[in-house]
């Protein structure tokens, strides 16, 4: 078994020189452990293998982001695996639709007044979003229009995870106040 300092040296070799031998050693060491971990969390073997491959690709591409002063390599990789599993579960939940649901629309139930009201609300939300500070608006778009997790947003924007979460929370507080003032939502 490799020590933390040996593993950190291998990651540095991958980051600095794209050292394939170092990566192979890391892969051989971590892939089976990550896959077992994901199965223990409830993933089926195929999904666990897919997430493990994704984590190892992330290691190859982003080895330079690993900071041995902040955590061990194992902690870093297991955290990535856990987050990717959560993201995968979220995507699967949103992607599932019954093909027959498309035909279950009750055409008589579409109320023109309700449609106009919904359009009015959408317009108000759009206007309220335009009043957000640029950094908050960007994060809200990444989270809700691009479907990224907070971890993925932090990685993409290079902001700390806590900053991402607080800015999104502030954006929602601002949106709620604006929409309450416009009477779009009830004050709560």
C-alpha atoms as a PDB file:
ATOM      1  CA  UNK A   1       0.000   0.000   0.000  1.00  0.00           C
ATOM      2  CA  UNK A   2       1.262   3.437  -0.935  1.00  0.00           C
ATOM      3  CA  UNK A   3       1.770   6.130   1.721  1.00  0.00           C
ATOM      4  CA  UNK A   4       0.066   9.514   1.427  1.00  0.00           C
ATOM      5  CA  UNK A   5       3.347  11.144   0.411  1.00  0.00           C
ATOM      6  CA  UNK A   6       3.954   8.488  -2.285  1.00  0.00           C
ATOM      7  CA  UNK A   7       0.428   8.998  -3.612  1.00  0.00           C
ATOM      8  CA  UNK A   8       0.919  12.779  -3.625  1.00  0.00           C
ATOM      9  CA  UNK A   9       4.154  12.287  -5.577  1.00  0.00           C
ATOM     10  CA  UNK A  10       2.321  10.153  -8.145  1.00  0.00           C
ATOM     11  CA  UNK A  11      -0.421  12.786  -8.515  1.00  0.00           C
ATOM     12  CA  UNK A  12       2.215  15.474  -8.983  1.00  0.00           C
ATOM     13  CA  UNK A  13       3.803  13.376 -11.743  1.00  0.00           C
ATOM     14  CA  UNK A  14       0.419  13.105 -13.462  1.00  0.00           C
ATOM     15  CA  UNK A  15      -0.223  16.845 -13.069  1.00  0.00           C
ATOM     16  CA  UNK A  16       3.202  18.018 -14.192  1.00  0.00           C
ATOM     17  CA  UNK A  17       4.230  15.467 -16.841  1.00  0.00           C
ATOM     18  CA  UNK A  18       1.089  13.504 -17.671  1.00  0.00           C
ATOM     19  CA  UNK A  19       3.010  10.477 -16.390  1.00  0.00           C
ATOM     20  CA  UNK A  20       1.058   7.438 -17.579  1.00  0.00           C
ATOM     21  CA  UNK A  21       2.897   5.007 -15.304  1.00  0.00           C
ATOM     22  CA  UNK A  22       2.090   7.111 -12.264  1.00  0.00           C
ATOM     23  CA  UNK A  23      -1.541   7.291 -13.357  1.00  0.00           C
ATOM     24  CA  UNK A  24      -1.656   3.513 -13.900  1.00  0.00           C
ATOM     25  CA  UNK A  25      -0.407   2.971 -10.346  1.00  0.00           C
ATOM     26  CA  UNK A  26      -3.019   5.381  -8.992  1.00  0.00           C
ATOM     27  CA  UNK A  27      -5.708   3.719 -11.081  1.00  0.00           C
ATOM     28  CA  UNK A  28      -4.729   0.227  -9.903  1.00  0.00           C
ATOM     29  CA  UNK A  29      -4.737   1.392  -6.316  1.00  0.00           C
ATOM     30  CA  UNK A  30      -7.946   3.451  -6.251  1.00  0.00           C
ATOM     31  CA  UNK A  31     -10.317   2.107  -8.927  1.00  0.00           C
ATOM     32  CA  UNK A  32     -11.272  -1.111  -7.084  1.00  0.00           C
ATOM     33  CA  UNK A  33     -11.577   0.750  -3.778  1.00  0.00           C
ATOM     34  CA  UNK A  34     -13.779   3.472  -5.276  1.00  0.00           C
ATOM     35  CA  UNK A  35     -15.976   0.916  -7.014  1.00  0.00           C
ATOM     36  CA  UNK A  36     -16.467  -1.043  -3.755  1.00  0.00           C
ATOM     37  CA  UNK A  37     -17.218   2.190  -1.913  1.00  0.00           C
ATOM     38  CA  UNK A  38     -19.879   3.169  -4.462  1.00  0.00           C
ATOM     39  CA  UNK A  39     -21.480  -0.282  -4.305  1.00  0.00           C
ATOM     40  CA  UNK A  40     -21.605  -0.008  -0.498  1.00  0.00           C
ATOM     41  CA  UNK A  41     -23.399   3.332  -0.964  1.00  0.00           C
ATOM     42  CA  UNK A  42     -26.049   1.516  -3.009  1.00  0.00           C
ATOM     43  CA  UNK A  43     -24.914   1.860  -6.619  1.00  0.00           C
ATOM     44  CA  UNK A  44     -25.324  -1.156  -8.856  1.00  0.00           C
ATOM     45  CA  UNK A  45     -22.000  -2.540 -10.159  1.00  0.00           C
ATOM     46  CA  UNK A  46     -22.387  -1.020 -13.634  1.00  0.00           C
ATOM     47  CA  UNK A  47     -23.168   2.445 -12.263  1.00  0.00           C
ATOM     48  CA  UNK A  48     -20.329   2.126  -9.740  1.00  0.00           C
ATOM     49  CA  UNK A  49     -17.921   1.245 -12.542  1.00  0.00           C
ATOM     50  CA  UNK A  50     -19.108   4.196 -14.639  1.00  0.00           C
ATOM     51  CA  UNK A  51     -18.703   6.673 -11.773  1.00  0.00           C
ATOM     52  CA  UNK A  52     -15.304   5.187 -10.913  1.00  0.00           C
ATOM     53  CA  UNK A  53     -14.160   5.696 -14.514  1.00  0.00           C
ATOM     54  CA  UNK A  54     -15.419   9.267 -14.378  1.00  0.00           C
ATOM     55  CA  UNK A  55     -13.529   9.909 -11.125  1.00  0.00           C
ATOM     56  CA  UNK A  56     -10.320   8.505 -12.569  1.00  0.00           C
ATOM     57  CA  UNK A  57     -10.703  10.641 -15.712  1.00  0.00           C
ATOM     58  CA  UNK A  58     -11.153  13.626 -13.401  1.00  0.00           C
ATOM     59  CA  UNK A  59      -7.936  12.654 -11.632  1.00  0.00           C
ATOM     60  CA  UNK A  60      -6.128  12.517 -14.987  1.00  0.00           C
ATOM     61  CA  UNK A  61      -7.490  15.874 -16.151  1.00  0.00           C
ATOM     62  CA  UNK A  62      -7.424  17.785 -12.889  1.00  0.00           C
ATOM     63  CA  UNK A  63      -4.535  16.301 -10.946  1.00  0.00           C
ATOM     64  CA  UNK A  64      -3.123  19.805 -10.665  1.00  0.00           C
ATOM     65  CA  UNK A  65      -6.088  20.835  -8.497  1.00  0.00           C
ATOM     66  CA  UNK A  66      -5.216  18.294  -5.802  1.00  0.00           C
ATOM     67  CA  UNK A  67      -3.725  19.997  -2.740  1.00  0.00           C
ATOM     68  CA  UNK A  68      -2.068  17.542  -0.332  1.00  0.00           C
ATOM     69  CA  UNK A  69      -2.117  20.206   2.390  1.00  0.00           C
ATOM     70  CA  UNK A  70      -5.922  20.215   2.401  1.00  0.00           C
ATOM     71  CA  UNK A  71      -6.690  16.486   2.301  1.00  0.00           C
ATOM     72  CA  UNK A  72      -5.316  13.091   1.463  1.00  0.00           C
ATOM     73  CA  UNK A  73      -5.670  11.873  -2.108  1.00  0.00           C
ATOM     74  CA  UNK A  74      -8.072   9.179  -0.915  1.00  0.00           C
ATOM     75  CA  UNK A  75     -10.324  11.781   0.738  1.00  0.00           C
ATOM     76  CA  UNK A  76     -10.260  13.926  -2.404  1.00  0.00           C
ATOM     77  CA  UNK A  77     -11.137  11.015  -4.724  1.00  0.00           C
ATOM     78  CA  UNK A  78     -13.826   9.575  -2.439  1.00  0.00           C
ATOM     79  CA  UNK A  79     -15.429  13.025  -2.194  1.00  0.00           C
ATOM     80  CA  UNK A  80     -15.434  13.327  -5.996  1.00  0.00           C
ATOM     81  CA  UNK A  81     -16.931   9.818  -6.253  1.00  0.00           C
ATOM     82  CA  UNK A  82     -19.642  10.613  -3.726  1.00  0.00           C
ATOM     83  CA  UNK A  83     -20.534  13.879  -5.480  1.00  0.00           C
ATOM     84  CA  UNK A  84     -20.591  12.251  -8.917  1.00  0.00           C
ATOM     85  CA  UNK A  85     -22.867   9.504  -7.584  1.00  0.00           C
ATOM     86  CA  UNK A  86     -25.238  12.133  -6.171  1.00  0.00           C
ATOM     87  CA  UNK A  87     -25.163  14.048  -9.464  1.00  0.00           C
ATOM     88  CA  UNK A  88     -25.883  10.837 -11.368  1.00  0.00           C
ATOM     89  CA  UNK A  89     -28.844  10.041  -9.109  1.00  0.00           C
ATOM     90  CA  UNK A  90     -30.213  13.551  -9.593  1.00  0.00           C
ATOM     91  CA  UNK A  91     -29.845  13.325 -13.369  1.00  0.00           C
ATOM     92  CA  UNK A  92     -31.524   9.921 -13.462  1.00  0.00           C
ATOM     93  CA  UNK A  93     -34.411  11.225 -11.395  1.00  0.00           C
ATOM     94  CA  UNK A  94     -34.915  14.205 -13.733  1.00  0.00           C
ATOM     95  CA  UNK A  95     -34.386  12.247 -16.923  1.00  0.00           C
ATOM     96  CA  UNK A  96     -37.022   9.614 -16.157  1.00  0.00           C
ATOM     97  CA  UNK A  97     -40.303  10.068 -17.940  1.00  0.00           C
ATOM     98  CA  UNK A  98     -42.837   7.537 -18.977  1.00  0.00           C
ATOM     99  CA  UNK A  99     -43.245   7.672 -22.756  1.00  0.00           C
ATOM    100  CA  UNK A 100     -46.991   7.425 -22.343  1.00  0.00           C
ATOM    101  CA  UNK A 101     -47.104  10.516 -20.088  1.00  0.00           C
ATOM    102  CA  UNK A 102     -46.948  12.648 -23.219  1.00  0.00           C
ATOM    103  CA  UNK A 103     -50.408  11.417 -24.159  1.00  0.00           C
ATOM    104  CA  UNK A 104     -51.934  11.937 -20.706  1.00  0.00           C
ATOM    105  CA  UNK A 105     -52.526  15.674 -21.213  1.00  0.00           C
ATOM    106  CA  UNK A 106     -56.122  16.669 -20.604  1.00  0.00           C
ATOM    107  CA  UNK A 107     -56.659  19.275 -23.323  1.00  0.00           C
ATOM    108  CA  UNK A 108     -59.891  20.484 -21.734  1.00  0.00           C
ATOM    109  CA  UNK A 109     -58.016  21.211 -18.485  1.00  0.00           C
ATOM    110  CA  UNK A 110     -55.898  23.973 -20.059  1.00  0.00           C
ATOM    111  CA  UNK A 111     -57.400  27.186 -18.749  1.00  0.00           C
ATOM    112  CA  UNK A 112     -56.497  30.248 -20.870  1.00  0.00           C
ATOM    113  CA  UNK A 113     -56.612  32.528 -17.815  1.00  0.00           C
ATOM    114  CA  UNK A 114     -54.220  30.233 -15.988  1.00  0.00           C
ATOM    115  CA  UNK A 115     -51.874  30.199 -18.986  1.00  0.00           C
ATOM    116  CA  UNK A 116     -51.827  34.014 -19.062  1.00  0.00           C
ATOM    117  CA  UNK A 117     -51.188  34.080 -15.297  1.00  0.00           C
ATOM    118  CA  UNK A 118     -48.295  31.627 -15.676  1.00  0.00           C
ATOM    119  CA  UNK A 119     -46.786  33.713 -18.477  1.00  0.00           C
ATOM    120  CA  UNK A 120     -47.142  36.837 -16.316  1.00  0.00           C
ATOM    121  CA  UNK A 121     -45.303  35.077 -13.460  1.00  0.00           C
ATOM    122  CA  UNK A 122     -42.547  33.895 -15.791  1.00  0.00           C
ATOM    123  CA  UNK A 123     -42.080  37.452 -17.059  1.00  0.00           C
ATOM    124  CA  UNK A 124     -41.898  38.786 -13.476  1.00  0.00           C
ATOM    125  CA  UNK A 125     -39.347  36.134 -12.501  1.00  0.00           C
ATOM    126  CA  UNK A 126     -37.251  36.988 -15.556  1.00  0.00           C
ATOM    127  CA  UNK A 127     -37.327  40.708 -14.666  1.00  0.00           C
ATOM    128  CA  UNK A 128     -36.481  39.931 -11.022  1.00  0.00           C
ATOM    129  CA  UNK A 129     -33.538  37.794 -12.120  1.00  0.00           C
ATOM    130  CA  UNK A 130     -32.159  40.682 -14.167  1.00  0.00           C
ATOM    131  CA  UNK A 131     -31.886  42.725 -10.955  1.00  0.00           C
ATOM    132  CA  UNK A 132     -29.539  40.200  -9.339  1.00  0.00           C
ATOM    133  CA  UNK A 133     -25.841  41.051  -9.104  1.00  0.00           C
ATOM    134  CA  UNK A 134     -23.924  39.426 -11.963  1.00  0.00           C
ATOM    135  CA  UNK A 135     -22.083  36.929  -9.723  1.00  0.00           C
ATOM    136  CA  UNK A 136     -25.371  35.696  -8.216  1.00  0.00           C
ATOM    137  CA  UNK A 137     -27.143  35.535 -11.572  1.00  0.00           C
ATOM    138  CA  UNK A 138     -24.326  33.483 -13.073  1.00  0.00           C
ATOM    139  CA  UNK A 139     -24.524  30.910 -10.265  1.00  0.00           C
ATOM    140  CA  UNK A 140     -28.328  30.677 -10.419  1.00  0.00           C
ATOM    141  CA  UNK A 141     -28.128  30.051 -14.167  1.00  0.00           C
ATOM    142  CA  UNK A 142     -25.469  27.361 -13.734  1.00  0.00           C
ATOM    143  CA  UNK A 143     -27.513  25.646 -11.026  1.00  0.00           C
ATOM    144  CA  UNK A 144     -30.999  25.829 -12.463  1.00  0.00           C
ATOM    145  CA  UNK A 145     -30.649  26.227 -16.196  1.00  0.00           C
ATOM    146  CA  UNK A 146     -27.498  24.174 -16.739  1.00  0.00           C
ATOM    147  CA  UNK A 147     -28.381  21.706 -13.976  1.00  0.00           C
ATOM    148  CA  UNK A 148     -24.970  21.763 -12.289  1.00  0.00           C
ATOM    149  CA  UNK A 149     -24.511  20.746  -8.671  1.00  0.00           C
ATOM    150  CA  UNK A 150     -23.007  23.224  -6.229  1.00  0.00           C
ATOM    151  CA  UNK A 151     -19.743  21.241  -6.330  1.00  0.00           C
ATOM    152  CA  UNK A 152     -19.612  21.406 -10.130  1.00  0.00           C
ATOM    153  CA  UNK A 153     -20.306  25.151 -10.020  1.00  0.00           C
ATOM    154  CA  UNK A 154     -17.505  25.651  -7.498  1.00  0.00           C
ATOM    155  CA  UNK A 155     -15.159  23.669  -9.707  1.00  0.00           C
ATOM    156  CA  UNK A 156     -16.157  25.523 -12.884  1.00  0.00           C
ATOM    157  CA  UNK A 157     -16.029  29.007 -11.360  1.00  0.00           C
ATOM    158  CA  UNK A 158     -13.064  28.292  -9.081  1.00  0.00           C
ATOM    159  CA  UNK A 159     -15.017  29.648  -6.127  1.00  0.00           C
ATOM    160  CA  UNK A 160     -15.109  27.982  -2.716  1.00  0.00           C
ATOM    161  CA  UNK A 161     -18.149  25.721  -2.275  1.00  0.00           C
ATOM    162  CA  UNK A 162     -19.378  27.822   0.676  1.00  0.00           C
ATOM    163  CA  UNK A 163     -19.277  30.966  -1.468  1.00  0.00           C
ATOM    164  CA  UNK A 164     -21.319  29.265  -4.198  1.00  0.00           C
ATOM    165  CA  UNK A 165     -23.954  28.134  -1.689  1.00  0.00           C
ATOM    166  CA  UNK A 166     -24.200  31.504   0.062  1.00  0.00           C
ATOM    167  CA  UNK A 167     -24.458  33.454  -3.210  1.00  0.00           C
ATOM    168  CA  UNK A 168     -27.248  31.181  -4.455  1.00  0.00           C
ATOM    169  CA  UNK A 169     -29.033  31.523  -1.109  1.00  0.00           C
ATOM    170  CA  UNK A 170     -28.665  35.324  -1.278  1.00  0.00           C
ATOM    171  CA  UNK A 171     -29.991  35.306  -4.834  1.00  0.00           C
ATOM    172  CA  UNK A 172     -33.079  33.370  -3.764  1.00  0.00           C
ATOM    173  CA  UNK A 173     -33.677  35.710  -0.847  1.00  0.00           C
ATOM    174  CA  UNK A 174     -33.451  38.665  -3.213  1.00  0.00           C
ATOM    175  CA  UNK A 175     -35.735  37.020  -5.778  1.00  0.00           C
ATOM    176  CA  UNK A 176     -38.318  36.138  -3.128  1.00  0.00           C
ATOM    177  CA  UNK A 177     -38.395  39.720  -1.811  1.00  0.00           C
ATOM    178  CA  UNK A 178     -38.737  41.116  -5.304  1.00  0.00           C
ATOM    179  CA  UNK A 179     -41.505  38.687  -6.227  1.00  0.00           C
ATOM    180  CA  UNK A 180     -43.310  39.302  -2.919  1.00  0.00           C
ATOM    181  CA  UNK A 181     -43.203  43.064  -3.583  1.00  0.00           C
ATOM    182  CA  UNK A 182     -44.719  42.447  -7.024  1.00  0.00           C
ATOM    183  CA  UNK A 183     -47.390  40.175  -5.548  1.00  0.00           C
ATOM    184  CA  UNK A 184     -46.177  37.200  -7.594  1.00  0.00           C
ATOM    185  CA  UNK A 185     -45.619  35.089  -4.490  1.00  0.00           C
ATOM    186  CA  UNK A 186     -47.157  35.386  -1.048  1.00  0.00           C
ATOM    187  CA  UNK A 187     -44.986  36.711   1.738  1.00  0.00           C
ATOM    188  CA  UNK A 188     -43.961  33.844   3.937  1.00  0.00           C
END
